[in-house]
N, C-alpha and C. Protein backbone atom coordinates (compact mmCIF):
# COMPACT_ATOMS: atom_id res chain seq x y z
N LEU A 1 0.79 -1.27 -0.09
CA LEU A 1 0.03 -0.02 0.02
C LEU A 1 0.83 1.05 0.07
N ASP A 2 2.37 1.03 0.08
CA ASP A 2 2.87 2.27 0.23
C ASP A 2 2.90 3.24 1.28
N ARG A 3 2.40 2.79 2.23
CA ARG A 3 1.94 3.50 3.59
C ARG A 3 3.04 3.69 4.57
N PRO A 4 3.35 4.67 5.37
CA PRO A 4 4.39 4.61 6.31
C PRO A 4 3.87 3.85 7.46
N ASN A 5 4.79 3.11 8.30
CA ASN A 5 4.32 2.13 8.97
C ASN A 5 5.56 1.86 10.02
N ILE A 6 5.10 1.98 11.31
CA ILE A 6 6.30 1.79 12.21
C ILE A 6 5.81 0.74 13.26
N THR A 7 6.51 -0.19 13.20
CA THR A 7 6.26 -1.32 14.10
C THR A 7 6.99 -1.41 15.30
N VAL A 8 6.54 -1.90 16.55
CA VAL A 8 7.42 -1.92 17.37
C VAL A 8 7.42 -3.42 17.93
N TYR A 9 8.64 -3.96 18.05
CA TYR A 9 9.13 -5.50 18.51
C TYR A 9 9.85 -5.57 19.90
N GLY A 10 9.25 -6.62 20.68
CA GLY A 10 10.01 -6.94 21.83
C GLY A 10 10.50 -8.49 21.43
N PRO A 11 10.04 -9.56 21.69
CA PRO A 11 10.58 -10.87 21.43
C PRO A 11 10.26 -11.33 19.84
N THR A 12 9.36 -10.68 19.53
CA THR A 12 8.70 -11.17 17.94
C THR A 12 9.50 -10.90 17.17
N ASP A 13 10.05 -11.97 16.20
CA ASP A 13 10.52 -11.75 15.02
C ASP A 13 9.71 -11.11 13.68
N PRO A 14 10.43 -9.64 13.36
CA PRO A 14 9.98 -9.14 12.50
C PRO A 14 9.98 -9.86 11.04
N GLY A 15 10.55 -10.89 10.76
CA GLY A 15 10.58 -11.72 9.54
C GLY A 15 9.31 -12.57 9.53
N LEU A 16 8.74 -12.65 10.66
CA LEU A 16 7.42 -13.79 10.91
C LEU A 16 6.43 -12.70 10.94
N ILE A 17 6.36 -11.92 11.28
CA ILE A 17 5.30 -10.70 11.56
C ILE A 17 5.70 -9.34 11.35
N GLY A 18 6.12 -8.98 10.29
CA GLY A 18 6.44 -7.78 9.84
C GLY A 18 5.65 -6.97 8.80
N GLY A 19 5.86 -5.81 8.56
CA GLY A 19 5.38 -5.08 7.76
C GLY A 19 5.92 -5.32 6.33
N TYR A 20 5.28 -4.96 5.31
CA TYR A 20 5.81 -5.27 3.91
C TYR A 20 5.63 -4.01 3.09
N GLY A 21 6.31 -3.81 2.04
CA GLY A 21 6.62 -2.62 1.23
C GLY A 21 7.41 -1.47 1.72
N LYS A 22 7.27 -0.38 1.02
CA LYS A 22 8.36 0.85 1.35
C LYS A 22 7.80 1.23 2.51
N ASN A 23 8.59 2.24 3.04
CA ASN A 23 8.02 3.00 4.23
C ASN A 23 7.80 2.02 5.50
N GLN A 24 8.87 1.12 5.65
CA GLN A 24 8.46 0.21 6.97
C GLN A 24 9.69 0.66 7.88
N VAL A 25 9.39 1.07 9.26
CA VAL A 25 10.17 1.45 10.09
C VAL A 25 10.29 0.11 11.12
N GLU A 26 11.08 -0.42 11.74
CA GLU A 26 11.33 -1.55 13.09
C GLU A 26 12.08 -0.82 13.94
N CYS A 27 10.99 -0.97 15.27
CA CYS A 27 11.52 -0.46 16.36
C CYS A 27 12.10 -1.79 17.04
N ARG A 28 13.07 -2.01 17.63
CA ARG A 28 13.21 -3.29 18.08
C ARG A 28 14.13 -2.91 19.43
N SER A 29 13.80 -3.97 20.54
CA SER A 29 14.45 -3.80 21.54
C SER A 29 15.77 -4.65 21.64
N THR A 30 16.72 -4.21 21.79
CA THR A 30 18.10 -4.82 21.66
C THR A 30 18.19 -6.11 22.89
N SER A 31 17.11 -6.00 24.13
CA SER A 31 17.30 -7.27 24.81
C SER A 31 15.99 -8.06 24.71
N MET A 32 15.27 -7.85 23.78
CA MET A 32 14.47 -8.70 23.50
C MET A 32 13.11 -8.44 24.36
N SER A 33 12.81 -7.50 25.02
CA SER A 33 11.97 -6.71 26.07
C SER A 33 11.43 -5.36 25.75
N LEU A 34 10.16 -5.49 25.60
CA LEU A 34 9.73 -3.83 25.21
C LEU A 34 9.94 -3.35 26.49
N ALA A 35 10.26 -3.56 27.33
CA ALA A 35 10.26 -2.68 28.82
C ALA A 35 11.73 -1.99 28.52
N ASP A 36 12.58 -2.79 27.85
CA ASP A 36 13.87 -2.11 27.43
C ASP A 36 14.08 -0.85 25.84
N LEU A 37 12.53 -0.86 25.58
CA LEU A 37 12.67 -0.04 24.36
C LEU A 37 12.06 1.46 24.84
N PRO A 38 12.55 2.48 24.71
CA PRO A 38 12.08 3.62 25.40
C PRO A 38 11.17 4.46 24.59
N ALA A 39 10.28 4.73 24.97
CA ALA A 39 9.16 5.44 24.03
C ALA A 39 9.81 6.37 23.25
N GLN A 40 10.84 7.04 23.82
CA GLN A 40 11.40 8.38 23.28
C GLN A 40 12.17 7.94 21.70
N THR A 41 12.60 6.57 21.51
CA THR A 41 12.99 5.95 20.49
C THR A 41 12.16 5.74 19.39
N VAL A 42 10.81 5.49 19.99
CA VAL A 42 9.59 5.14 18.82
C VAL A 42 9.25 6.44 18.53
N PHE A 43 8.94 7.39 19.37
CA PHE A 43 8.86 8.75 19.04
C PHE A 43 9.67 9.39 17.85
N GLN A 44 10.99 9.26 18.02
CA GLN A 44 11.82 9.78 17.19
C GLN A 44 11.85 9.06 15.89
N ASN A 45 11.83 7.90 16.06
CA ASN A 45 11.39 7.19 14.78
C ASN A 45 10.14 7.81 13.85
N LEU A 46 8.99 8.16 14.68
CA LEU A 46 8.06 8.41 14.16
C LEU A 46 8.16 9.43 13.24
N ASN A 47 8.82 10.53 14.31
CA ASN A 47 8.94 12.01 13.84
C ASN A 47 9.92 12.13 12.58
N LEU A 48 10.84 11.53 12.50
CA LEU A 48 11.63 10.88 11.21
C LEU A 48 10.68 10.56 10.02
N GLU A 49 9.95 9.67 10.25
CA GLU A 49 9.03 9.01 9.26
C GLU A 49 8.17 10.23 8.63
N ILE A 50 7.51 10.74 9.69
CA ILE A 50 6.78 11.88 9.12
C ILE A 50 7.50 13.04 8.33
N ILE A 51 8.54 13.56 8.82
CA ILE A 51 9.58 14.53 7.96
C ILE A 51 10.15 13.65 6.81
N THR A 52 10.18 12.46 6.69
CA THR A 52 10.69 12.18 5.28
C THR A 52 9.67 12.00 4.71
N ASN A 53 8.53 11.45 4.70
CA ASN A 53 7.39 11.37 3.91
C ASN A 53 6.99 12.73 3.47
N LYS A 54 6.72 13.60 4.32
CA LYS A 54 6.23 14.89 4.17
C LYS A 54 7.02 15.57 2.82
N LEU A 55 8.39 15.58 3.24
CA LEU A 55 9.34 15.77 1.94
C LEU A 55 9.30 15.08 0.73
N THR A 56 9.15 14.03 0.87
CA THR A 56 9.27 13.25 -0.21
C THR A 56 7.72 13.08 -1.17
N SER A 57 6.66 13.37 -0.39
CA SER A 57 5.06 13.63 -0.87
C SER A 57 5.39 14.97 -1.65
N GLU A 58 5.86 15.91 -1.05
CA GLU A 58 6.24 17.62 -1.69
C GLU A 58 6.78 17.01 -3.08
N ILE A 59 7.76 16.11 -3.13
CA ILE A 59 8.39 15.79 -4.38
C ILE A 59 7.73 15.64 -5.37
N ARG A 60 6.61 14.62 -5.23
CA ARG A 60 6.06 13.93 -5.81
C ARG A 60 5.21 14.83 -6.82
């Protein structure tokens, strides 16, 4: 669908249950626990994706 998607993973393997297509961003915990994935990291990825897609959509 070519839609931006940010997925958050703890112990789940993104290869098994991941997004497909362009503009997919994976936020993964290094320890395999969501408790160790700071919300700030997810928020930063979200902001980057918004900025990137806004800029690329203006170019189209």
